Amino acid sequence: MTTPDQIPNTVGQNIKLFREKLGLTQEALAQYLLTSREQISYYETGARSVTTAHLNSLANLFCINEYDFYEEDSQMKNLNICFAFRADELQPNDLQSIAQFKKIVRNYLNMKKALTSE
């Protein structure tokens, strides 16, 4: 079980895992979040907690729920990574577009699921 002191480290490790699996550099992620590469490094090492706004933006980009950043189970992490987007040579504007599209798709799937369960 994760203690409150370990949460930034777990979140940071998961951010790094998703970033690397997608082939993104810290610099590319920093540009997407409109922050510095150093800030991304602090997040990934757990030296600083990730802001709610950045966590939301990252979840949209990686097409996961924000709660997935707190996941410690390696099987669940691998499942989340399987659904993550992969591409080469993405520009910051491309990342914005991808994140917006993924959010639309995720909302559509949630609405469809809600209608099915009625």
PDB file of N, CA and C in Angstrom:
ATOM      1  N   MET A   1       0.840  -1.185   0.000  1.00  0.00           N
ATOM      2  CA  MET A   1       0.000   0.000   0.000  1.00  0.00           C
ATOM      3  C   MET A   1       0.883   1.245   0.000  1.00  0.00           C
ATOM      4  N   THR A   2       0.489   2.236  -0.771  1.00  0.00           N
ATOM      5  CA  THR A   2       1.246   3.471  -0.899  1.00  0.00           C
ATOM      6  C   THR A   2       0.942   4.412   0.255  1.00  0.00           C
ATOM      7  N   THR A   3       1.987   4.980   0.844  1.00  0.00           N
ATOM      8  CA  THR A   3       1.802   5.993   1.859  1.00  0.00           C
ATOM      9  C   THR A   3       1.725   7.347   1.171  1.00  0.00           C
ATOM     10  N   PRO A   4       1.178   8.372   1.851  1.00  0.00           N
ATOM     11  CA  PRO A   4       1.092   9.699   1.216  1.00  0.00           C
ATOM     12  C   PRO A   4       2.444  10.236   0.749  1.00  0.00           C
ATOM     13  N   ASP A   5       3.514   9.893   1.454  1.00  0.00           N
ATOM     14  CA  ASP A   5       4.848  10.348   1.044  1.00  0.00           C
ATOM     15  C   ASP A   5       5.313   9.707  -0.252  1.00  0.00           C
ATOM     16  N   GLN A   6       4.802   8.540  -0.586  1.00  0.00           N
ATOM     17  CA  GLN A   6       5.225   7.816  -1.776  1.00  0.00           C
ATOM     18  C   GLN A   6       4.415   8.185  -3.021  1.00  0.00           C
ATOM     19  N   ILE A   7       3.299   8.889  -2.846  1.00  0.00           N
ATOM     20  CA  ILE A   7       2.412   9.187  -3.968  1.00  0.00           C
ATOM     21  C   ILE A   7       3.116   9.967  -5.078  1.00  0.00           C
ATOM     22  N   PRO A   8       3.840  11.080  -4.767  1.00  0.00           N
ATOM     23  CA  PRO A   8       4.508  11.786  -5.875  1.00  0.00           C
ATOM     24  C   PRO A   8       5.481  10.892  -6.647  1.00  0.00           C
ATOM     25  N   ASN A   9       6.149   9.966  -5.947  1.00  0.00           N
ATOM     26  CA  ASN A   9       7.081   9.069  -6.605  1.00  0.00           C
ATOM     27  C   ASN A   9       6.352   8.093  -7.516  1.00  0.00           C
ATOM     28  N   THR A  10       5.233   7.539  -7.077  1.00  0.00           N
ATOM     29  CA  THR A  10       4.439   6.623  -7.898  1.00  0.00           C
ATOM     30  C   THR A  10       3.916   7.339  -9.133  1.00  0.00           C
ATOM     31  N   VAL A  11       3.363   8.517  -8.945  1.00  0.00           N
ATOM     32  CA  VAL A  11       2.844   9.301 -10.071  1.00  0.00           C
ATOM     33  C   VAL A  11       3.976   9.619 -11.033  1.00  0.00           C
ATOM     34  N   GLY A  12       5.104  10.054 -10.511  1.00  0.00           N
ATOM     35  CA  GLY A  12       6.254  10.399 -11.347  1.00  0.00           C
ATOM     36  C   GLY A  12       6.774   9.218 -12.149  1.00  0.00           C
ATOM     37  N   GLN A  13       6.859   8.073 -11.501  1.00  0.00           N
ATOM     38  CA  GLN A  13       7.320   6.870 -12.195  1.00  0.00           C
ATOM     39  C   GLN A  13       6.377   6.509 -13.329  1.00  0.00           C
ATOM     40  N   ASN A  14       5.076   6.664 -13.093  1.00  0.00           N
ATOM     41  CA  ASN A  14       4.100   6.338 -14.137  1.00  0.00           C
ATOM     42  C   ASN A  14       4.142   7.343 -15.276  1.00  0.00           C
ATOM     43  N   ILE A  15       4.355   8.610 -14.963  1.00  0.00           N
ATOM     44  CA  ILE A  15       4.498   9.607 -16.028  1.00  0.00           C
ATOM     45  C   ILE A  15       5.694   9.242 -16.901  1.00  0.00           C
ATOM     46  N   LYS A  16       6.808   8.918 -16.268  1.00  0.00           N
ATOM     47  CA  LYS A  16       8.013   8.553 -17.020  1.00  0.00           C
ATOM     48  C   LYS A  16       7.765   7.308 -17.868  1.00  0.00           C
ATOM     49  N   LEU A  17       7.085   6.324 -17.295  1.00  0.00           N
ATOM     50  CA  LEU A  17       6.782   5.087 -18.016  1.00  0.00           C
ATOM     51  C   LEU A  17       5.967   5.367 -19.277  1.00  0.00           C
ATOM     52  N   PHE A  18       4.890   6.143 -19.142  1.00  0.00           N
ATOM     53  CA  PHE A  18       4.065   6.469 -20.305  1.00  0.00           C
ATOM     54  C   PHE A  18       4.847   7.305 -21.309  1.00  0.00           C
ATOM     55  N   ARG A  19       5.587   8.281 -20.825  1.00  0.00           N
ATOM     56  CA  ARG A  19       6.360   9.146 -21.723  1.00  0.00           C
ATOM     57  C   ARG A  19       7.341   8.330 -22.546  1.00  0.00           C
ATOM     58  N   GLU A  20       8.074   7.441 -21.893  1.00  0.00           N
ATOM     59  CA  GLU A  20       9.069   6.630 -22.596  1.00  0.00           C
ATOM     60  C   GLU A  20       8.417   5.641 -23.556  1.00  0.00           C
ATOM     61  N   LYS A  21       7.318   5.043 -23.152  1.00  0.00           N
ATOM     62  CA  LYS A  21       6.632   4.088 -24.034  1.00  0.00           C
ATOM     63  C   LYS A  21       6.101   4.773 -25.285  1.00  0.00           C
ATOM     64  N   LEU A  22       5.784   6.049 -25.167  1.00  0.00           N
ATOM     65  CA  LEU A  22       5.305   6.798 -26.322  1.00  0.00           C
ATOM     66  C   LEU A  22       6.452   7.402 -27.119  1.00  0.00           C
ATOM     67  N   GLY A  23       7.666   7.252 -26.619  1.00  0.00           N
ATOM     68  CA  GLY A  23       8.825   7.775 -27.329  1.00  0.00           C
ATOM     69  C   GLY A  23       8.963   9.285 -27.247  1.00  0.00           C
ATOM     70  N   LEU A  24       8.405   9.874 -26.205  1.00  0.00           N
ATOM     71  CA  LEU A  24       8.494  11.318 -26.027  1.00  0.00           C
ATOM     72  C   LEU A  24       9.675  11.679 -25.136  1.00  0.00           C
ATOM     73  N   THR A  25      10.299  12.787 -25.423  1.00  0.00           N
ATOM     74  CA  THR A  25      11.363  13.296 -24.562  1.00  0.00           C
ATOM     75  C   THR A  25      10.741  14.147 -23.459  1.00  0.00           C
ATOM     76  N   GLN A  26      11.533  14.410 -22.436  1.00  0.00           N
ATOM     77  CA  GLN A  26      11.060  15.316 -21.387  1.00  0.00           C
ATOM     78  C   GLN A  26      10.788  16.697 -21.989  1.00  0.00           C
ATOM     79  N   GLU A  27      11.618  17.099 -22.922  1.00  0.00           N
ATOM     80  CA  GLU A  27      11.448  18.397 -23.578  1.00  0.00           C
ATOM     81  C   GLU A  27      10.114  18.470 -24.324  1.00  0.00           C
ATOM     82  N   ALA A  28       9.763  17.424 -25.057  1.00  0.00           N
ATOM     83  CA  ALA A  28       8.493  17.408 -25.802  1.00  0.00           C
ATOM     84  C   ALA A  28       7.309  17.475 -24.838  1.00  0.00           C
ATOM     85  N   LEU A  29       7.402  16.737 -23.752  1.00  0.00           N
ATOM     86  CA  LEU A  29       6.329  16.758 -22.763  1.00  0.00           C
ATOM     87  C   LEU A  29       6.232  18.139 -22.106  1.00  0.00           C
ATOM     88  N   ALA A  30       7.376  18.746 -21.847  1.00  0.00           N
ATOM     89  CA  ALA A  30       7.397  20.089 -21.259  1.00  0.00           C
ATOM     90  C   ALA A  30       6.745  21.104 -22.190  1.00  0.00           C
ATOM     91  N   GLN A  31       7.033  21.003 -23.485  1.00  0.00           N
ATOM     92  CA  GLN A  31       6.420  21.910 -24.448  1.00  0.00           C
ATOM     93  C   GLN A  31       4.906  21.722 -24.480  1.00  0.00           C
ATOM     94  N   TYR A  32       4.472  20.482 -24.430  1.00  0.00           N
ATOM     95  CA  TYR A  32       3.036  20.188 -24.421  1.00  0.00           C
ATOM     96  C   TYR A  32       2.361  20.794 -23.191  1.00  0.00           C
ATOM     97  N   LEU A  33       3.021  20.688 -22.033  1.00  0.00           N
ATOM     98  CA  LEU A  33       2.449  21.197 -20.785  1.00  0.00           C
ATOM     99  C   LEU A  33       2.747  22.679 -20.540  1.00  0.00           C
ATOM    100  N   LEU A  34       3.512  23.287 -21.459  1.00  0.00           N
ATOM    101  CA  LEU A  34       3.910  24.685 -21.317  1.00  0.00           C
ATOM    102  C   LEU A  34       4.674  24.908 -20.004  1.00  0.00           C
ATOM    103  N   THR A  35       5.636  24.039 -19.778  1.00  0.00           N
ATOM    104  CA  THR A  35       6.479  24.133 -18.595  1.00  0.00           C
ATOM    105  C   THR A  35       7.913  23.844 -19.005  1.00  0.00           C
ATOM    106  N   SER A  36       8.788  23.678 -18.053  1.00  0.00           N
ATOM    107  CA  SER A  36      10.195  23.425 -18.363  1.00  0.00           C
ATOM    108  C   SER A  36      10.521  21.931 -18.326  1.00  0.00           C
ATOM    109  N   ARG A  37      11.587  21.564 -19.006  1.00  0.00           N
ATOM    110  CA  ARG A  37      12.052  20.187 -18.972  1.00  0.00           C
ATOM    111  C   ARG A  37      12.428  19.809 -17.546  1.00  0.00           C
ATOM    112  N   GLU A  38      12.988  20.761 -16.807  1.00  0.00           N
ATOM    113  CA  GLU A  38      13.379  20.511 -15.422  1.00  0.00           C
ATOM    114  C   GLU A  38      12.164  20.149 -14.566  1.00  0.00           C
ATOM    115  N   GLN A  39      11.039  20.827 -14.825  1.00  0.00           N
ATOM    116  CA  GLN A  39       9.820  20.520 -14.075  1.00  0.00           C
ATOM    117  C   GLN A  39       9.373  19.088 -14.340  1.00  0.00           C
ATOM    118  N   ILE A  40       9.470  18.646 -15.572  1.00  0.00           N
ATOM    119  CA  ILE A  40       9.116  17.259 -15.901  1.00  0.00           C
ATOM    120  C   ILE A  40      10.032  16.302 -15.146  1.00  0.00           C
ATOM    121  N   SER A  41      11.298  16.622 -15.100  1.00  0.00           N
ATOM    122  CA  SER A  41      12.257  15.799 -14.362  1.00  0.00           C
ATOM    123  C   SER A  41      11.889  15.731 -12.877  1.00  0.00           C
ATOM    124  N   TYR A  42      11.516  16.865 -12.299  1.00  0.00           N
ATOM    125  CA  TYR A  42      11.086  16.883 -10.890  1.00  0.00           C
ATOM    126  C   TYR A  42       9.860  16.015 -10.682  1.00  0.00           C
ATOM    127  N   TYR A  43       8.913  16.091 -11.616  1.00  0.00           N
ATOM    128  CA  TYR A  43       7.721  15.245 -11.517  1.00  0.00           C
ATOM    129  C   TYR A  43       8.105  13.769 -11.543  1.00  0.00           C
ATOM    130  N   GLU A  44       8.949  13.415 -12.514  1.00  0.00           N
ATOM    131  CA  GLU A  44       9.284  12.000 -12.707  1.00  0.00           C
ATOM    132  C   GLU A  44      10.079  11.413 -11.545  1.00  0.00           C
ATOM    133  N   THR A  45      10.869  12.222 -10.883  1.00  0.00           N
ATOM    134  CA  THR A  45      11.642  11.722  -9.742  1.00  0.00           C
ATOM    135  C   THR A  45      10.864  11.800  -8.441  1.00  0.00           C
ATOM    136  N   GLY A  46       9.718  12.449  -8.477  1.00  0.00           N
ATOM    137  CA  GLY A  46       8.920  12.595  -7.261  1.00  0.00           C
ATOM    138  C   GLY A  46       9.378  13.745  -6.389  1.00  0.00           C
ATOM    139  N   ALA A  47      10.312  14.555  -6.891  1.00  0.00           N
ATOM    140  CA  ALA A  47      10.812  15.692  -6.121  1.00  0.00           C
ATOM    141  C   ALA A  47       9.731  16.764  -5.949  1.00  0.00           C
ATOM    142  N   ARG A  48       8.808  16.838  -6.900  1.00  0.00           N
ATOM    143  CA  ARG A  48       7.681  17.775  -6.824  1.00  0.00           C
ATOM    144  C   ARG A  48       6.401  17.052  -7.210  1.00  0.00           C
ATOM    145  N   SER A  49       5.321  17.469  -6.578  1.00  0.00           N
ATOM    146  CA  SER A  49       4.010  16.911  -6.920  1.00  0.00           C
ATOM    147  C   SER A  49       3.529  17.523  -8.231  1.00  0.00           C
ATOM    148  N   VAL A  50       2.816  16.726  -8.998  1.00  0.00           N
ATOM    149  CA  VAL A  50       2.274  17.169 -10.278  1.00  0.00           C
ATOM    150  C   VAL A  50       1.008  17.982 -10.013  1.00  0.00           C
ATOM    151  N   THR A  51       0.882  19.113 -10.695  1.00  0.00           N
ATOM    152  CA  THR A  51      -0.324  19.923 -10.521  1.00  0.00           C
ATOM    153  C   THR A  51      -1.530  19.182 -11.094  1.00  0.00           C
ATOM    154  N   THR A  52      -2.685  19.509 -10.603  1.00  0.00           N
ATOM    155  CA  THR A  52      -3.919  18.899 -11.094  1.00  0.00           C
ATOM    156  C   THR A  52      -4.110  19.180 -12.581  1.00  0.00           C
ATOM    157  N   ALA A  53      -3.807  20.406 -12.993  1.00  0.00           N
ATOM    158  CA  ALA A  53      -3.955  20.766 -14.408  1.00  0.00           C
ATOM    159  C   ALA A  53      -3.024  19.936 -15.286  1.00  0.00           C
ATOM    160  N   HIS A  54      -1.782  19.748 -14.847  1.00  0.00           N
ATOM    161  CA  HIS A  54      -0.843  18.945 -15.631  1.00  0.00           C
ATOM    162  C   HIS A  54      -1.259  17.478 -15.644  1.00  0.00           C
ATOM    163  N   LEU A  55      -1.747  16.975 -14.521  1.00  0.00           N
ATOM    164  CA  LEU A  55      -2.191  15.584 -14.469  1.00  0.00           C
ATOM    165  C   LEU A  55      -3.354  15.366 -15.426  1.00  0.00           C
ATOM    166  N   ASN A  56      -4.259  16.319 -15.486  1.00  0.00           N
ATOM    167  CA  ASN A  56      -5.391  16.224 -16.398  1.00  0.00           C
ATOM    168  C   ASN A  56      -4.923  16.242 -17.848  1.00  0.00           C
ATOM    169  N   SER A  57      -4.003  17.144 -18.177  1.00  0.00           N
ATOM    170  CA  SER A  57      -3.476  17.227 -19.551  1.00  0.00           C
ATOM    171  C   SER A  57      -2.740  15.956 -19.939  1.00  0.00           C
ATOM    172  N   LEU A  58      -1.963  15.405 -19.016  1.00  0.00           N
ATOM    173  CA  LEU A  58      -1.232  14.166 -19.292  1.00  0.00           C
ATOM    174  C   LEU A  58      -2.192  12.998 -19.485  1.00  0.00           C
ATOM    175  N   ALA A  59      -3.232  12.938 -18.679  1.00  0.00           N
ATOM    176  CA  ALA A  59      -4.224  11.864 -18.819  1.00  0.00           C
ATOM    177  C   ALA A  59      -4.879  11.928 -20.190  1.00  0.00           C
ATOM    178  N   ASN A  60      -5.189  13.140 -20.647  1.00  0.00           N
ATOM    179  CA  ASN A  60      -5.779  13.288 -21.978  1.00  0.00           C
ATOM    180  C   ASN A  60      -4.805  12.835 -23.054  1.00  0.00           C
ATOM    181  N   LEU A  61      -3.555  13.210 -22.922  1.00  0.00           N
ATOM    182  CA  LEU A  61      -2.550  12.837 -23.918  1.00  0.00           C
ATOM    183  C   LEU A  61      -2.346  11.326 -23.969  1.00  0.00           C
ATOM    184  N   PHE A  62      -2.256  10.697 -22.797  1.00  0.00           N
ATOM    185  CA  PHE A  62      -1.984   9.267 -22.734  1.00  0.00           C
ATOM    186  C   PHE A  62      -3.247   8.422 -22.859  1.00  0.00           C
ATOM    187  N   CYS A  63      -4.398   9.089 -22.927  1.00  0.00           N
ATOM    188  CA  CYS A  63      -5.694   8.408 -23.050  1.00  0.00           C
ATOM    189  C   CYS A  63      -5.939   7.449 -21.880  1.00  0.00           C
ATOM    190  N   ILE A  64      -5.732   7.973 -20.696  1.00  0.00           N
ATOM    191  CA  ILE A  64      -5.970   7.215 -19.475  1.00  0.00           C
ATOM    192  C   ILE A  64      -6.744   8.095 -18.511  1.00  0.00           C
ATOM    193  N   ASN A  65      -7.215   7.506 -17.441  1.00  0.00           N
ATOM    194  CA  ASN A  65      -7.837   8.273 -16.374  1.00  0.00           C
ATOM    195  C   ASN A  65      -6.742   8.819 -15.472  1.00  0.00           C
ATOM    196  N   GLU A  66      -7.000   9.942 -14.844  1.00  0.00           N
ATOM    197  CA  GLU A  66      -6.013  10.513 -13.935  1.00  0.00           C
ATOM    198  C   GLU A  66      -5.646   9.537 -12.821  1.00  0.00           C
ATOM    199  N   TYR A  67      -6.589   8.723 -12.411  1.00  0.00           N
ATOM    200  CA  TYR A  67      -6.340   7.749 -11.352  1.00  0.00           C
ATOM    201  C   TYR A  67      -5.278   6.726 -11.743  1.00  0.00           C
ATOM    202  N   ASP A  68      -5.113   6.510 -13.046  1.00  0.00           N
ATOM    203  CA  ASP A  68      -4.136   5.527 -13.507  1.00  0.00           C
ATOM    204  C   ASP A  68      -2.698   5.935 -13.169  1.00  0.00           C
ATOM    205  N   PHE A  69      -2.464   7.212 -12.919  1.00  0.00           N
ATOM    206  CA  PHE A  69      -1.120   7.646 -12.533  1.00  0.00           C
ATOM    207  C   PHE A  69      -0.750   7.150 -11.131  1.00  0.00           C
ATOM    208  N   TYR A  70      -1.747   6.774 -10.350  1.00  0.00           N
ATOM    209  CA  TYR A  70      -1.510   6.275  -9.001  1.00  0.00           C
ATOM    210  C   TYR A  70      -1.389   4.752  -8.960  1.00  0.00           C
ATOM    211  N   GLU A  71      -1.505   4.119 -10.115  1.00  0.00           N
ATOM    212  CA  GLU A  71      -1.491   2.656 -10.229  1.00  0.00           C
ATOM    213  C   GLU A  71      -0.114   2.088  -9.915  1.00  0.00           C
ATOM    214  N   GLU A  72      -0.103   1.094  -9.044  1.00  0.00           N
ATOM    215  CA  GLU A  72       1.144   0.413  -8.703  1.00  0.00           C
ATOM    216  C   GLU A  72       1.230  -0.984  -9.307  1.00  0.00           C
ATOM    217  N   ASP A  73       0.092  -1.561  -9.688  1.00  0.00           N
ATOM    218  CA  ASP A  73       0.029  -2.911 -10.235  1.00  0.00           C
ATOM    219  C   ASP A  73       0.623  -2.921 -11.648  1.00  0.00           C
ATOM    220  N   SER A  74       1.690  -3.663 -11.840  1.00  0.00           N
ATOM    221  CA  SER A  74       2.385  -3.673 -13.132  1.00  0.00           C
ATOM    222  C   SER A  74       1.510  -4.213 -14.261  1.00  0.00           C
ATOM    223  N   GLN A  75       0.625  -5.152 -13.978  1.00  0.00           N
ATOM    224  CA  GLN A  75      -0.266  -5.671 -15.024  1.00  0.00           C
ATOM    225  C   GLN A  75      -1.215  -4.583 -15.513  1.00  0.00           C
ATOM    226  N   MET A  76      -1.742  -3.794 -14.597  1.00  0.00           N
ATOM    227  CA  MET A  76      -2.641  -2.704 -14.980  1.00  0.00           C
ATOM    228  C   MET A  76      -1.877  -1.621 -15.748  1.00  0.00           C
ATOM    229  N   LYS A  77      -0.648  -1.357 -15.347  1.00  0.00           N
ATOM    230  CA  LYS A  77       0.169  -0.372 -16.067  1.00  0.00           C
ATOM    231  C   LYS A  77       0.370  -0.821 -17.512  1.00  0.00           C
ATOM    232  N   ASN A  78       0.688  -2.101 -17.688  1.00  0.00           N
ATOM    233  CA  ASN A  78       0.911  -2.626 -19.043  1.00  0.00           C
ATOM    234  C   ASN A  78      -0.354  -2.555 -19.880  1.00  0.00           C
ATOM    235  N   LEU A  79      -1.491  -2.803 -19.284  1.00  0.00           N
ATOM    236  CA  LEU A  79      -2.759  -2.712 -19.995  1.00  0.00           C
ATOM    237  C   LEU A  79      -3.008  -1.274 -20.444  1.00  0.00           C
ATOM    238  N   ASN A  80      -2.758  -0.319 -19.571  1.00  0.00           N
ATOM    239  CA  ASN A  80      -2.929   1.093 -19.924  1.00  0.00           C
ATOM    240  C   ASN A  80      -1.990   1.492 -21.056  1.00  0.00           C
ATOM    241  N   ILE A  81      -0.785   1.008 -21.032  1.00  0.00           N
ATOM    242  CA  ILE A  81       0.198   1.343 -22.061  1.00  0.00           C
ATOM    243  C   ILE A  81      -0.216   0.783 -23.419  1.00  0.00           C
ATOM    244  N   CYS A  82      -0.860  -0.363 -23.423  1.00  0.00           N
ATOM    245  CA  CYS A  82      -1.301  -0.965 -24.686  1.00  0.00           C
ATOM    246  C   CYS A  82      -2.241  -0.044 -25.448  1.00  0.00           C
ATOM    247  N   PHE A  83      -2.994   0.773 -24.724  1.00  0.00           N
ATOM    248  CA  PHE A  83      -3.958   1.657 -25.368  1.00  0.00           C
ATOM    249  C   PHE A  83      -3.398   3.041 -25.658  1.00  0.00           C
ATOM    250  N   ALA A  84      -2.180   3.284 -25.276  1.00  0.00           N
ATOM    251  CA  ALA A  84      -1.577   4.603 -25.472  1.00  0.00           C
ATOM    252  C   ALA A  84      -1.205   4.803 -26.941  1.00  0.00           C
ATOM    253  N   PHE A  85      -1.223   6.044 -27.370  1.00  0.00           N
ATOM    254  CA  PHE A  85      -0.917   6.399 -28.756  1.00  0.00           C
ATOM    255  C   PHE A  85       0.584   6.385 -28.983  1.00  0.00           C
ATOM    256  N   ARG A  86       1.006   5.918 -30.161  1.00  0.00           N
ATOM    257  CA  ARG A  86       2.425   5.902 -30.510  1.00  0.00           C
ATOM    258  C   ARG A  86       2.607   6.521 -31.893  1.00  0.00           C
ATOM    259  N   ALA A  87       3.602   7.379 -32.002  1.00  0.00           N
ATOM    260  CA  ALA A  87       3.941   7.987 -33.294  1.00  0.00           C
ATOM    261  C   ALA A  87       5.336   8.591 -33.197  1.00  0.00           C
ATOM    262  N   ASP A  88       5.950   8.761 -34.328  1.00  0.00           N
ATOM    263  CA  ASP A  88       7.286   9.352 -34.382  1.00  0.00           C
ATOM    264  C   ASP A  88       7.189  10.823 -34.761  1.00  0.00           C
ATOM    265  N   GLU A  89       8.144  11.581 -34.299  1.00  0.00           N
ATOM    266  CA  GLU A  89       8.323  12.979 -34.674  1.00  0.00           C
ATOM    267  C   GLU A  89       7.073  13.833 -34.489  1.00  0.00           C
ATOM    268  N   LEU A  90       6.501  13.796 -33.306  1.00  0.00           N
ATOM    269  CA  LEU A  90       5.345  14.624 -33.015  1.00  0.00           C
ATOM    270  C   LEU A  90       5.787  16.018 -32.609  1.00  0.00           C
ATOM    271  N   GLN A  91       5.033  17.003 -33.018  1.00  0.00           N
ATOM    272  CA  GLN A  91       5.263  18.390 -32.645  1.00  0.00           C
ATOM    273  C   GLN A  91       4.328  18.737 -31.485  1.00  0.00           C
ATOM    274  N   PRO A  92       4.639  19.791 -30.726  1.00  0.00           N
ATOM    275  CA  PRO A  92       3.757  20.169 -29.602  1.00  0.00           C
ATOM    276  C   PRO A  92       2.302  20.370 -30.021  1.00  0.00           C
ATOM    277  N   ASN A  93       2.062  20.974 -31.177  1.00  0.00           N
ATOM    278  CA  ASN A  93       0.685  21.154 -31.643  1.00  0.00           C
ATOM    279  C   ASN A  93       0.011  19.823 -31.936  1.00  0.00           C
ATOM    280  N   ASP A  94       0.791  18.854 -32.422  1.00  0.00           N
ATOM    281  CA  ASP A  94       0.248  17.520 -32.673  1.00  0.00           C
ATOM    282  C   ASP A  94      -0.224  16.897 -31.360  1.00  0.00           C
ATOM    283  N   LEU A  95       0.566  17.066 -30.308  1.00  0.00           N
ATOM    284  CA  LEU A  95       0.201  16.499 -29.007  1.00  0.00           C
ATOM    285  C   LEU A  95      -1.091  17.116 -28.488  1.00  0.00           C
ATOM    286  N   GLN A  96      -1.269  18.419 -28.686  1.00  0.00           N
ATOM    287  CA  GLN A  96      -2.506  19.082 -28.276  1.00  0.00           C
ATOM    288  C   GLN A  96      -3.707  18.485 -29.023  1.00  0.00           C
ATOM    289  N   SER A  97      -3.560  18.306 -30.317  1.00  0.00           N
ATOM    290  CA  SER A  97      -4.648  17.756 -31.136  1.00  0.00           C
ATOM    291  C   SER A  97      -4.965  16.324 -30.737  1.00  0.00           C
ATOM    292  N   ILE A  98      -3.942  15.535 -30.507  1.00  0.00           N
ATOM    293  CA  ILE A  98      -4.142  14.139 -30.108  1.00  0.00           C
ATOM    294  C   ILE A  98      -4.860  14.073 -28.765  1.00  0.00           C
ATOM    295  N   ALA A  99      -4.441  14.887 -27.816  1.00  0.00           N
ATOM    296  CA  ALA A  99      -5.066  14.884 -26.494  1.00  0.00           C
ATOM    297  C   ALA A  99      -6.535  15.288 -26.585  1.00  0.00           C
ATOM    298  N   GLN A 100      -6.850  16.303 -27.386  1.00  0.00           N
ATOM    299  CA  GLN A 100      -8.239  16.726 -27.542  1.00  0.00           C
ATOM    300  C   GLN A 100      -9.078  15.628 -28.193  1.00  0.00           C
ATOM    301  N   PHE A 101      -8.535  14.979 -29.209  1.00  0.00           N
ATOM    302  CA  PHE A 101      -9.259  13.901 -29.882  1.00  0.00           C
ATOM    303  C   PHE A 101      -9.506  12.741 -28.923  1.00  0.00           C
ATOM    304  N   LYS A 102      -8.495  12.377 -28.150  1.00  0.00           N
ATOM    305  CA  LYS A 102      -8.661  11.266 -27.208  1.00  0.00           C
ATOM    306  C   LYS A 102      -9.721  11.584 -26.158  1.00  0.00           C
ATOM    307  N   LYS A 103      -9.765  12.833 -25.732  1.00  0.00           N
ATOM    308  CA  LYS A 103     -10.775  13.228 -24.749  1.00  0.00           C
ATOM    309  C   LYS A 103     -12.172  13.084 -25.334  1.00  0.00           C
ATOM    310  N   ILE A 104     -12.353  13.471 -26.584  1.00  0.00           N
ATOM    311  CA  ILE A 104     -13.647  13.330 -27.256  1.00  0.00           C
ATOM    312  C   ILE A 104     -14.036  11.855 -27.354  1.00  0.00           C
ATOM    313  N   VAL A 105     -13.106  11.026 -27.755  1.00  0.00           N
ATOM    314  CA  VAL A 105     -13.383   9.584 -27.888  1.00  0.00           C
ATOM    315  C   VAL A 105     -13.728   8.986 -26.533  1.00  0.00           C
ATOM    316  N   ARG A 106     -12.953   9.332 -25.494  1.00  0.00           N
ATOM    317  CA  ARG A 106     -13.209   8.792 -24.156  1.00  0.00           C
ATOM    318  C   ARG A 106     -14.590   9.225 -23.663  1.00  0.00           C
ATOM    319  N   ASN A 107     -14.960  10.495 -23.897  1.00  0.00           N
ATOM    320  CA  ASN A 107     -16.288  10.971 -23.492  1.00  0.00           C
ATOM    321  C   ASN A 107     -17.391  10.248 -24.260  1.00  0.00           C
ATOM    322  N   TYR A 108     -17.176  10.028 -25.553  1.00  0.00           N
ATOM    323  CA  TYR A 108     -18.150   9.299 -26.361  1.00  0.00           C
ATOM    324  C   TYR A 108     -18.350   7.880 -25.818  1.00  0.00           C
ATOM    325  N   LEU A 109     -17.253   7.200 -25.520  1.00  0.00           N
ATOM    326  CA  LEU A 109     -17.351   5.833 -25.005  1.00  0.00           C
ATOM    327  C   LEU A 109     -18.047   5.799 -23.644  1.00  0.00           C
ATOM    328  N   ASN A 110     -17.788   6.786 -22.801  1.00  0.00           N
ATOM    329  CA  ASN A 110     -18.460   6.851 -21.505  1.00  0.00           C
ATOM    330  C   ASN A 110     -19.963   7.092 -21.668  1.00  0.00           C
ATOM    331  N   MET A 111     -20.332   7.961 -22.611  1.00  0.00           N
ATOM    332  CA  MET A 111     -21.748   8.216 -22.870  1.00  0.00           C
ATOM    333  C   MET A 111     -22.429   6.965 -23.423  1.00  0.00           C
ATOM    334  N   LYS A 112     -21.769   6.283 -24.340  1.00  0.00           N
ATOM    335  CA  LYS A 112     -22.319   5.064 -24.923  1.00  0.00           C
ATOM    336  C   LYS A 112     -22.515   4.006 -23.845  1.00  0.00           C
ATOM    337  N   LYS A 113     -21.552   3.885 -22.959  1.00  0.00           N
ATOM    338  CA  LYS A 113     -21.653   2.919 -21.860  1.00  0.00           C
ATOM    339  C   LYS A 113     -22.807   3.277 -20.928  1.00  0.00           C
ATOM    340  N   ALA A 114     -22.958   4.554 -20.645  1.00  0.00           N
ATOM    341  CA  ALA A 114     -24.035   4.995 -19.772  1.00  0.00           C
ATOM    342  C   ALA A 114     -25.406   4.707 -20.386  1.00  0.00           C
ATOM    343  N   LEU A 115     -25.526   4.929 -21.686  1.00  0.00           N
ATOM    344  CA  LEU A 115     -26.806   4.665 -22.368  1.00  0.00           C
ATOM    345  C   LEU A 115     -27.118   3.175 -22.421  1.00  0.00           C
ATOM    346  N   THR A 116     -26.099   2.370 -22.540  1.00  0.00           N
ATOM    347  CA  THR A 116     -26.280   0.917 -22.604  1.00  0.00           C
ATOM    348  C   THR A 116     -26.730   0.375 -21.259  1.00  0.00           C
ATOM    349  N   SER A 117     -26.272   0.974 -20.179  1.00  0.00           N
ATOM    350  CA  SER A 117     -26.601   0.457 -18.849  1.00  0.00           C
ATOM    351  C   SER A 117     -27.946   0.942 -18.331  1.00  0.00           C
ATOM    352  N   GLU A 118     -28.645   1.798 -19.081  1.00  0.00           N
ATOM    353  CA  GLU A 118     -29.959   2.284 -18.642  1.00  0.00           C
ATOM    354  C   GLU A 118     -31.031   1.250 -18.811  1.00  0.00           C
TER     355      GLU A 118
END
